[in-house]
Amino acid sequence: MDVTATLSLGDPLEPARKATAEMLRTRDHSFSLPQPFYNDERLFQLDMQEIFHKEWLIAGMTCEIPTKGNFLTLQIGDNPVIVLRGAEGQIHAFHNVCRHRGSRLCVSDKGKVAKLVCPYHQWTYELDGRLLFAGTEMGADFDMKDYSLKPVHVKTAGGYIFISLAENPPAIDDFLRTLEHYMEPYDMENTKVAVQTTIKEAANWKLVIENNRECYHCNGSHPELLNTLLEWDDVTDPRASQAFKDQVAACTTAWEAEKIPYAHASFGLRNRIVRMPLLQGTVSMTMDGKQGSKKLMGRIRNPDLGSMRILHLPHSWNHCMGDHLIVFTVWPISAQETVVTTKWLVHKDAVEGVDYDVARLREVWDATNDQDRRLAEENQRGINSTAYQPGPYSKTYEFGVINFLDWYSERMLNNLGEESAHARLVSEK
């Protein structure tokens, strides 16, 4: 028996696995989760092992590594990863771990290299992961072919880089083909990140996602956001007025004329793309609703594209407008700590200070992110109380939260080797 199999016999998380599966099988799907899902460190470790180590994650944007040798790094739980552009434009992803004694190879967030050189003992790797140099000290019987970097699954579509640490990741190609189609007008290879922010929230990652998946709280908490954002994103929403439906009809006529994709696209509960108008008279998520960048994206000629909203569970939401895009990713740190990264992208030829002002570009979402941080942190503090018990969601305002937790429950049970009748029903939709 190998070491891994031997250790698994004494898996300290085994009781937590059984308890987690039981809580998910028996939970009320219209209520929030039991307390351990939001604050228990053992359950957090299961979230990392069974969700973040097995699902597809957005590592970054292809424009961030535009030429050979450009790289970016990220941390998924305890796993450092490097994503880089190799020969002939191919994008690779590897565990950012030297095959000698395990040191991290790249220690900066981004950069450009000719080769990957370990700072510890200078083992040197080609951009495709092959070991090129280990010195003469390793002996005559040392075979460099046995010590290439360990690869990470990587796929690209529509300017996004997706990675998965899983040995056999879930199917995603149908969504990626659709994403490529919807992102075509933006010409994402000719964009750049104008500015990026990272904030740490003292809250479980699921609370961060739950907060994003509903706008029940928006009217009382997000005045800057509601300068432009309409609270609903579907004409079938019972709250949608006739005036809103008329606005949608007028916008779709204009979008069709410019051959801009807009029809709703859903892939189970994990992925969703929907283009909806912004508040009438506004064209971008800025304080005054006017363009944040004078230079429009790709082949777009009409700035009034509304917001194309892209959902990718477990950790990303996006807003794509005619003049700029905003990409959000959520990264769990511990049971009650989460990092949220926000990137604002513009046309690569847009000039800062001429075509766009960074402070103006980020003003709305800086305010919104900070407001959401405080809401999530207060949510966490309340959930930690002995008085907490799961509470009911609004099926009208919080259907997105219900959908997220149904997806989470299905994936967690599936990855734990379990399944419930409800999870089976959801997976068949």
Protein backbone atom coordinates (compact mmCIF):
# COMPACT_ATOMS: atom_id res chain seq x y z
CA MET A 1 0.00 0.00 0.00
CA ASP A 2 1.39 3.44 -0.91
CA VAL A 3 1.88 6.26 1.58
CA THR A 4 -1.17 8.23 0.41
CA ALA A 5 -3.45 5.23 0.81
CA THR A 6 -2.00 4.48 4.24
CA LEU A 7 -2.53 8.02 5.45
CA SER A 8 -6.08 8.08 4.11
CA LEU A 9 -6.96 5.31 6.57
CA GLY A 10 -6.48 7.85 9.29
CA ASP A 11 -8.05 10.83 7.49
CA PRO A 12 -8.78 13.31 10.28
CA LEU A 13 -11.54 14.85 8.16
CA GLU A 14 -13.49 11.61 7.76
CA PRO A 15 -16.01 12.43 10.53
CA ALA A 16 -16.44 15.90 9.04
CA ARG A 17 -17.08 14.37 5.59
CA LYS A 18 -19.87 12.21 6.93
CA ALA A 19 -21.39 15.07 8.95
CA THR A 20 -21.20 17.43 5.98
CA ALA A 21 -22.92 14.98 3.65
CA GLU A 22 -25.68 14.39 6.19
CA MET A 23 -26.29 18.12 6.74
CA LEU A 24 -26.47 18.72 2.99
CA ARG A 25 -28.81 15.79 2.39
CA THR A 26 -31.24 16.94 5.07
CA ARG A 27 -31.06 20.73 4.79
CA ASP A 28 -34.04 22.91 3.82
CA HIS A 29 -33.16 24.30 0.37
CA SER A 30 -35.04 27.54 0.96
CA PHE A 31 -33.00 28.34 4.12
CA SER A 32 -29.43 29.39 4.76
CA LEU A 33 -26.87 26.71 5.63
CA PRO A 34 -26.20 25.30 9.10
CA GLN A 35 -23.58 27.24 11.09
CA PRO A 36 -20.54 24.97 10.48
CA PHE A 37 -20.63 25.72 6.76
CA TYR A 38 -19.75 29.32 7.55
CA ASN A 39 -17.25 29.09 10.41
CA ASP A 40 -15.88 25.58 10.96
CA GLU A 41 -12.24 25.10 9.97
CA ARG A 42 -12.73 21.39 9.18
CA LEU A 43 -15.57 22.18 6.81
CA PHE A 44 -13.43 24.92 5.27
CA GLN A 45 -10.77 22.30 4.52
CA LEU A 46 -13.46 20.22 2.79
CA ASP A 47 -14.50 23.28 0.76
CA MET A 48 -10.93 23.61 -0.43
CA GLN A 49 -10.44 19.90 -1.15
CA GLU A 50 -13.80 19.20 -2.77
CA ILE A 51 -14.66 22.54 -4.42
CA PHE A 52 -11.64 24.78 -5.01
CA HIS A 53 -9.24 21.93 -5.76
CA LYS A 54 -11.68 20.20 -8.14
CA GLU A 55 -13.68 22.88 -9.99
CA TRP A 56 -12.58 25.24 -12.79
CA LEU A 57 -11.33 28.60 -11.49
CA ILE A 58 -10.58 31.87 -13.28
CA ALA A 59 -6.84 32.38 -12.86
CA GLY A 60 -6.66 35.65 -14.77
CA MET A 61 -7.00 37.19 -18.21
CA THR A 62 -5.01 36.32 -21.31
CA CYS A 63 -4.14 40.01 -21.78
CA GLU A 64 -2.18 39.87 -18.50
CA ILE A 65 0.37 37.54 -20.11
CA PRO A 66 0.50 38.94 -23.66
CA THR A 67 3.87 37.65 -24.88
CA LYS A 68 6.24 34.72 -24.46
CA GLY A 69 7.65 34.56 -20.94
CA ASN A 70 4.94 36.65 -19.27
CA PHE A 71 3.60 34.94 -16.16
CA LEU A 72 1.19 35.46 -13.29
CA THR A 73 0.98 33.56 -10.00
CA LEU A 74 -1.86 32.79 -7.64
CA GLN A 75 -2.53 30.84 -4.46
CA ILE A 76 -5.35 28.30 -4.17
CA GLY A 77 -5.40 27.30 -0.51
CA ASP A 78 -1.96 25.81 0.12
CA ASN A 79 -1.25 25.42 -3.59
CA PRO A 80 0.86 28.03 -5.40
CA VAL A 81 0.27 28.04 -9.16
CA ILE A 82 2.01 29.73 -12.06
CA VAL A 83 0.34 30.55 -15.40
CA LEU A 84 2.56 31.63 -18.28
CA ARG A 85 2.74 32.25 -22.00
CA GLY A 86 5.05 29.82 -23.77
CA ALA A 87 6.25 29.33 -27.32
CA GLU A 88 3.84 30.08 -30.17
CA GLY A 89 1.49 31.85 -27.80
CA GLN A 90 0.47 28.71 -25.91
CA ILE A 91 -0.64 29.22 -22.30
CA HIS A 92 0.60 26.74 -19.71
CA ALA A 93 -0.17 26.30 -16.02
CA PHE A 94 2.00 24.51 -13.47
CA HIS A 95 2.24 23.97 -9.77
CA ASN A 96 4.66 26.72 -8.72
CA VAL A 97 6.84 24.15 -6.96
CA CYS A 98 10.41 23.19 -7.82
CA ARG A 99 10.88 19.43 -8.35
CA HIS A 100 14.13 19.52 -6.34
CA ARG A 101 13.08 20.32 -2.77
CA GLY A 102 9.74 22.02 -3.27
CA SER A 103 10.63 25.71 -3.13
CA ARG A 104 8.36 28.17 -4.94
CA LEU A 105 9.83 29.02 -8.32
CA CYS A 106 8.23 32.42 -8.93
CA VAL A 107 7.73 34.64 -5.90
CA SER A 108 6.27 37.75 -7.57
CA ASP A 109 2.65 38.24 -8.64
CA LYS A 110 3.52 38.93 -12.28
CA GLY A 111 6.58 39.23 -14.45
CA LYS A 112 8.47 38.09 -17.51
CA VAL A 113 11.21 35.47 -17.74
CA ALA A 114 13.25 33.69 -20.40
CA LYS A 115 13.33 30.50 -18.32
CA LEU A 116 11.96 29.50 -14.93
CA VAL A 117 14.83 29.44 -12.44
CA CYS A 118 14.39 28.27 -8.85
CA PRO A 119 15.87 30.90 -6.51
CA TYR A 120 16.99 28.18 -4.06
CA HIS A 121 19.39 25.97 -6.06
CA GLN A 122 18.95 27.37 -9.58
CA TRP A 123 17.22 24.39 -11.12
CA THR A 124 16.09 25.75 -14.48
CA TYR A 125 12.96 24.90 -16.46
CA GLU A 126 11.76 25.62 -19.98
CA LEU A 127 8.49 27.55 -20.31
CA ASP A 128 6.74 24.27 -21.17
CA GLY A 129 7.81 22.81 -17.81
CA ARG A 130 10.76 20.65 -18.92
CA LEU A 131 13.75 20.58 -16.59
CA LEU A 132 16.77 21.98 -18.44
CA PHE A 133 19.45 22.32 -15.76
CA ALA A 134 20.09 20.76 -12.37
CA GLY A 135 23.89 20.99 -12.25
CA THR A 136 26.39 18.14 -12.19
CA GLU A 137 25.87 17.51 -8.49
CA MET A 138 22.84 15.24 -9.04
CA GLY A 139 24.98 12.34 -10.31
CA ALA A 140 25.34 10.40 -13.54
CA ASP A 141 22.13 8.40 -13.07
CA PHE A 142 19.93 11.50 -12.69
CA ASP A 143 17.43 11.80 -15.57
CA MET A 144 16.05 15.32 -16.05
CA LYS A 145 13.08 13.98 -18.02
CA ASP A 146 11.69 12.58 -14.76
CA TYR A 147 11.51 16.00 -13.09
CA SER A 148 9.41 18.29 -15.24
CA LEU A 149 7.11 20.71 -13.45
CA LYS A 150 3.76 19.22 -12.47
CA PRO A 151 1.10 20.56 -14.85
CA VAL A 152 -2.25 22.11 -13.98
CA HIS A 153 -5.20 21.80 -16.35
CA VAL A 154 -5.70 25.05 -18.26
CA LYS A 155 -8.22 26.27 -20.85
CA THR A 156 -8.86 29.70 -22.34
CA ALA A 157 -11.96 31.32 -23.81
CA GLY A 158 -13.04 34.89 -24.46
CA GLY A 159 -9.94 36.35 -22.83
CA TYR A 160 -10.35 34.33 -19.62
CA ILE A 161 -7.87 31.75 -18.29
CA PHE A 162 -9.46 28.81 -16.48
CA ILE A 163 -7.46 26.33 -14.41
CA SER A 164 -8.31 23.23 -12.40
CA LEU A 165 -6.19 21.35 -9.90
CA ALA A 166 -8.35 18.25 -10.33
CA GLU A 167 -6.99 15.09 -11.90
CA ASN A 168 -10.20 14.87 -13.94
CA PRO A 169 -11.92 18.28 -14.00
CA PRO A 170 -15.64 18.59 -14.70
CA ALA A 171 -16.81 19.25 -18.26
CA ILE A 172 -16.77 22.93 -19.21
CA ASP A 173 -16.24 23.09 -22.99
CA ASP A 174 -19.87 23.90 -23.85
CA PHE A 175 -19.76 26.98 -21.63
CA LEU A 176 -16.37 28.03 -22.98
CA ARG A 177 -17.60 27.92 -26.58
CA THR A 178 -20.54 30.11 -25.63
CA LEU A 179 -18.32 32.47 -23.64
CA GLU A 180 -16.04 32.83 -26.67
CA HIS A 181 -19.06 33.81 -28.79
CA TYR A 182 -20.37 36.37 -26.29
CA MET A 183 -16.93 37.93 -25.76
CA GLU A 184 -16.12 38.22 -29.50
CA PRO A 185 -17.19 41.89 -29.79
CA TYR A 186 -14.69 42.86 -27.07
CA ASP A 187 -11.53 41.54 -28.82
CA MET A 188 -10.07 40.56 -25.47
CA GLU A 189 -6.55 39.96 -26.79
CA ASN A 190 -6.37 43.72 -27.31
CA THR A 191 -7.32 44.78 -23.80
CA LYS A 192 -5.35 45.58 -20.67
CA VAL A 193 -5.92 45.74 -16.94
CA ALA A 194 -6.22 49.44 -16.15
CA VAL A 195 -6.24 48.88 -12.39
CA GLN A 196 -6.60 46.03 -9.92
CA THR A 197 -7.59 45.97 -6.25
CA THR A 198 -7.51 43.27 -3.60
CA ILE A 199 -9.46 43.42 -0.35
CA LYS A 200 -9.60 40.96 2.54
CA GLU A 201 -12.97 40.29 4.10
CA ALA A 202 -13.39 38.74 7.56
CA ALA A 203 -16.11 36.42 6.28
CA ASN A 204 -16.53 32.93 4.84
CA TRP A 205 -16.28 32.77 1.06
CA LYS A 206 -19.84 31.48 0.72
CA LEU A 207 -21.17 34.58 2.49
CA VAL A 208 -19.28 36.73 -0.02
CA ILE A 209 -20.87 34.84 -2.93
CA GLU A 210 -24.33 34.81 -1.30
CA ASN A 211 -24.16 38.58 -0.90
CA ASN A 212 -23.32 38.95 -4.58
CA ARG A 213 -26.13 36.68 -5.74
CA GLU A 214 -28.94 38.95 -4.49
CA CYS A 215 -29.89 42.60 -4.62
CA TYR A 216 -32.38 42.45 -1.76
CA HIS A 217 -29.84 44.54 0.16
CA CYS A 218 -28.97 46.95 -2.67
CA ASN A 219 -31.55 49.66 -2.03
CA GLY A 220 -30.41 50.10 1.55
CA SER A 221 -26.68 49.67 0.99
CA HIS A 222 -25.50 50.59 -2.52
CA PRO A 223 -26.47 54.12 -3.58
CA GLU A 224 -23.48 54.43 -5.93
CA LEU A 225 -24.23 51.14 -7.67
CA LEU A 226 -27.91 51.96 -8.12
CA ASN A 227 -27.00 55.09 -10.06
CA THR A 228 -26.73 52.71 -13.02
CA LEU A 229 -27.60 49.12 -12.10
CA LEU A 230 -31.12 47.74 -12.44
CA GLU A 231 -31.83 45.36 -9.56
CA TRP A 232 -33.23 42.55 -11.70
CA ASP A 233 -31.71 40.85 -14.70
CA ASP A 234 -34.59 39.04 -16.35
CA VAL A 235 -37.75 40.34 -18.01
CA THR A 236 -39.62 37.41 -16.48
CA ASP A 237 -38.88 38.73 -12.97
CA PRO A 238 -42.27 39.48 -11.39
CA ARG A 239 -40.90 42.81 -10.14
CA ALA A 240 -40.02 43.98 -13.67
CA SER A 241 -42.19 46.89 -14.81
CA GLN A 242 -43.67 47.33 -18.27
CA ALA A 243 -41.37 50.32 -18.77
CA PHE A 244 -38.39 48.05 -18.09
CA LYS A 245 -39.67 45.46 -20.55
CA ASP A 246 -40.07 48.19 -23.17
CA GLN A 247 -36.52 49.35 -22.50
CA VAL A 248 -35.24 45.80 -22.97
CA ALA A 249 -37.09 45.50 -26.27
CA ALA A 250 -35.58 48.75 -27.57
CA CYS A 251 -32.08 47.71 -26.48
CA THR A 252 -32.28 44.29 -28.07
CA THR A 253 -33.22 45.89 -31.39
CA ALA A 254 -30.09 48.04 -31.20
CA TRP A 255 -27.91 45.11 -30.12
CA GLU A 256 -29.16 42.96 -32.99
CA ALA A 257 -28.30 45.75 -35.44
CA GLU A 258 -24.71 45.71 -34.17
CA LYS A 259 -24.62 41.88 -33.92
CA ILE A 260 -24.04 41.95 -30.18
CA PRO A 261 -24.99 38.63 -28.48
CA TYR A 262 -27.58 39.14 -25.75
CA ALA A 263 -29.83 36.06 -25.38
CA HIS A 264 -29.70 34.50 -21.91
CA ALA A 265 -27.36 31.50 -21.70
CA SER A 266 -27.33 29.12 -18.74
CA PHE A 267 -25.29 25.99 -18.08
CA GLY A 268 -26.88 24.33 -15.10
CA LEU A 269 -26.44 26.48 -12.03
CA ARG A 270 -22.68 26.98 -12.39
CA ASN A 271 -22.51 29.33 -15.38
CA ARG A 272 -24.80 32.06 -16.62
CA ILE A 273 -24.47 34.87 -19.16
CA VAL A 274 -27.11 37.57 -19.44
CA ARG A 275 -26.99 41.01 -21.08
CA MET A 276 -29.42 43.53 -19.61
CA PRO A 277 -29.78 47.31 -19.90
CA LEU A 278 -28.45 49.67 -17.30
CA LEU A 279 -30.67 52.38 -15.85
CA GLN A 280 -32.19 54.37 -18.73
CA GLY A 281 -29.92 57.25 -19.76
CA THR A 282 -26.72 55.57 -18.45
CA VAL A 283 -24.16 53.56 -20.41
CA SER A 284 -21.50 52.55 -17.88
CA MET A 285 -20.98 51.82 -14.18
CA THR A 286 -19.60 55.22 -13.26
CA MET A 287 -20.96 57.74 -10.78
CA ASP A 288 -22.65 59.80 -13.51
CA GLY A 289 -23.46 56.84 -15.76
CA LYS A 290 -21.31 58.16 -18.61
CA GLN A 291 -18.45 56.32 -20.27
CA GLY A 292 -15.53 55.46 -18.01
CA SER A 293 -13.25 55.15 -21.02
CA LYS A 294 -13.61 57.22 -24.16
CA LYS A 295 -12.20 54.36 -26.24
CA LEU A 296 -14.72 51.57 -26.67
CA MET A 297 -13.79 47.88 -26.57
CA GLY A 298 -13.06 45.79 -29.66
CA ARG A 299 -15.46 46.33 -32.57
CA ILE A 300 -18.09 48.00 -30.38
CA ARG A 301 -19.39 51.30 -31.75
CA ASN A 302 -22.39 51.96 -29.51
CA PRO A 303 -21.50 52.48 -25.82
CA ASP A 304 -25.04 51.68 -24.72
CA LEU A 305 -24.65 47.91 -24.36
CA GLY A 306 -25.99 47.69 -20.84
CA SER A 307 -24.10 45.20 -18.69
CA MET A 308 -23.37 41.64 -19.79
CA ARG A 309 -23.22 39.75 -16.51
CA ILE A 310 -21.19 36.56 -16.38
CA LEU A 311 -21.47 34.16 -13.45
CA HIS A 312 -18.92 31.42 -12.92
CA LEU A 313 -19.25 29.40 -9.75
CA PRO A 314 -17.67 28.88 -7.33
CA HIS A 315 -15.96 32.23 -7.33
CA SER A 316 -16.49 34.84 -10.04
CA TRP A 317 -18.92 37.42 -11.35
CA ASN A 318 -18.31 39.94 -14.13
CA HIS A 319 -19.81 43.06 -15.71
CA CYS A 320 -19.02 43.77 -19.37
CA MET A 321 -19.96 47.17 -20.78
CA GLY A 322 -19.16 48.91 -24.05
CA ASP A 323 -16.23 50.87 -22.66
CA HIS A 324 -14.78 48.59 -19.96
CA LEU A 325 -15.08 45.26 -18.17
CA ILE A 326 -14.96 44.43 -14.47
CA VAL A 327 -13.81 40.97 -13.35
CA PHE A 328 -14.30 39.81 -9.76
CA THR A 329 -12.75 36.68 -8.25
CA VAL A 330 -13.15 35.32 -4.72
CA TRP A 331 -10.34 33.38 -3.01
CA PRO A 332 -10.90 31.62 0.35
CA ILE A 333 -8.13 32.10 2.93
CA SER A 334 -9.61 30.44 6.02
CA ALA A 335 -13.02 29.55 7.42
CA GLN A 336 -13.67 33.24 8.13
CA GLU A 337 -11.32 35.07 5.75
CA THR A 338 -11.72 35.71 2.03
CA VAL A 339 -9.87 37.79 -0.54
CA VAL A 340 -11.80 39.54 -3.32
CA THR A 341 -9.87 40.68 -6.39
CA THR A 342 -11.35 43.25 -8.78
CA LYS A 343 -9.87 44.06 -12.20
CA TRP A 344 -11.00 46.87 -14.50
CA LEU A 345 -10.13 46.21 -18.16
CA VAL A 346 -10.07 48.72 -21.01
CA HIS A 347 -8.96 48.76 -24.66
CA LYS A 348 -5.19 48.31 -24.77
CA ASP A 349 -4.78 51.57 -26.71
CA ALA A 350 -6.75 53.62 -24.18
CA VAL A 351 -4.44 56.14 -22.55
CA GLU A 352 -4.66 56.77 -18.82
CA GLY A 353 -5.34 60.44 -18.10
CA VAL A 354 -6.58 60.98 -21.66
CA ASP A 355 -9.17 58.28 -22.38
CA TYR A 356 -9.86 57.25 -18.80
CA ASP A 357 -9.20 58.31 -15.23
CA VAL A 358 -8.45 55.39 -12.88
CA ALA A 359 -10.10 57.00 -9.85
CA ARG A 360 -13.30 57.66 -11.80
CA LEU A 361 -13.24 54.18 -13.36
CA ARG A 362 -13.11 52.41 -10.01
CA GLU A 363 -15.21 54.82 -7.90
CA VAL A 364 -18.53 52.92 -8.00
CA TRP A 365 -17.13 49.48 -7.31
CA ASP A 366 -14.64 50.68 -4.70
CA ALA A 367 -17.61 51.97 -2.73
CA THR A 368 -19.71 48.87 -3.46
CA ASN A 369 -16.94 46.42 -2.58
CA ASP A 370 -16.34 48.15 0.74
CA GLN A 371 -20.06 48.20 1.52
CA ASP A 372 -20.31 44.49 0.68
CA ARG A 373 -17.26 43.77 2.83
CA ARG A 374 -18.92 45.35 5.85
CA LEU A 375 -22.19 43.52 5.17
CA ALA A 376 -20.44 40.15 4.87
CA GLU A 377 -18.38 40.75 8.00
CA GLU A 378 -21.45 41.66 10.05
CA ASN A 379 -23.20 38.60 8.61
CA GLN A 380 -20.26 36.48 9.79
CA ARG A 381 -20.29 37.98 13.28
CA GLY A 382 -23.97 37.19 13.66
CA ILE A 383 -23.62 33.66 12.31
CA ASN A 384 -20.89 32.95 14.88
CA SER A 385 -23.43 33.54 17.66
CA THR A 386 -24.99 30.63 19.56
CA ALA A 387 -28.33 32.24 18.61
CA TYR A 388 -27.83 31.63 14.88
CA GLN A 389 -30.03 29.14 13.08
CA PRO A 390 -30.70 28.88 9.34
CA GLY A 391 -33.16 31.53 8.14
CA PRO A 392 -35.49 31.64 5.11
CA TYR A 393 -34.54 33.15 1.76
CA SER A 394 -36.89 35.29 -0.30
CA LYS A 395 -37.75 33.26 -3.39
CA THR A 396 -38.35 36.52 -5.27
CA TYR A 397 -35.25 38.50 -4.30
CA GLU A 398 -32.85 35.73 -3.26
CA PHE A 399 -33.39 33.04 -5.89
CA GLY A 400 -29.76 33.53 -6.95
CA VAL A 401 -28.60 32.60 -3.45
CA ILE A 402 -30.81 29.51 -3.46
CA ASN A 403 -29.35 28.52 -6.85
CA PHE A 404 -25.79 29.01 -5.59
CA LEU A 405 -26.33 26.84 -2.52
CA ASP A 406 -28.08 24.18 -4.60
CA TRP A 407 -25.04 24.11 -6.90
CA TYR A 408 -22.65 24.03 -3.92
CA SER A 409 -24.60 21.20 -2.28
CA GLU A 410 -24.71 19.17 -5.47
CA ARG A 411 -21.00 19.56 -6.18
CA MET A 412 -19.96 18.92 -2.59
CA LEU A 413 -22.08 15.76 -2.35
CA ASN A 414 -20.90 14.58 -5.75
CA ASN A 415 -17.24 15.17 -4.93
CA LEU A 416 -17.69 13.44 -1.57
CA GLY A 417 -19.10 10.44 -3.42
CA GLU A 418 -22.61 11.14 -2.13
CA GLU A 419 -25.83 12.24 -3.79
CA SER A 420 -29.26 13.35 -2.66
CA ALA A 421 -32.54 13.21 -4.51
CA HIS A 422 -32.56 17.02 -4.76
CA ALA A 423 -28.98 17.11 -6.05
CA ARG A 424 -29.88 14.55 -8.70
CA LEU A 425 -32.85 16.69 -9.74
CA VAL A 426 -30.67 19.81 -9.97
CA SER A 427 -28.00 18.04 -12.02
CA GLU A 428 -30.60 16.93 -14.54
CA LYS A 429 -31.94 20.43 -15.18
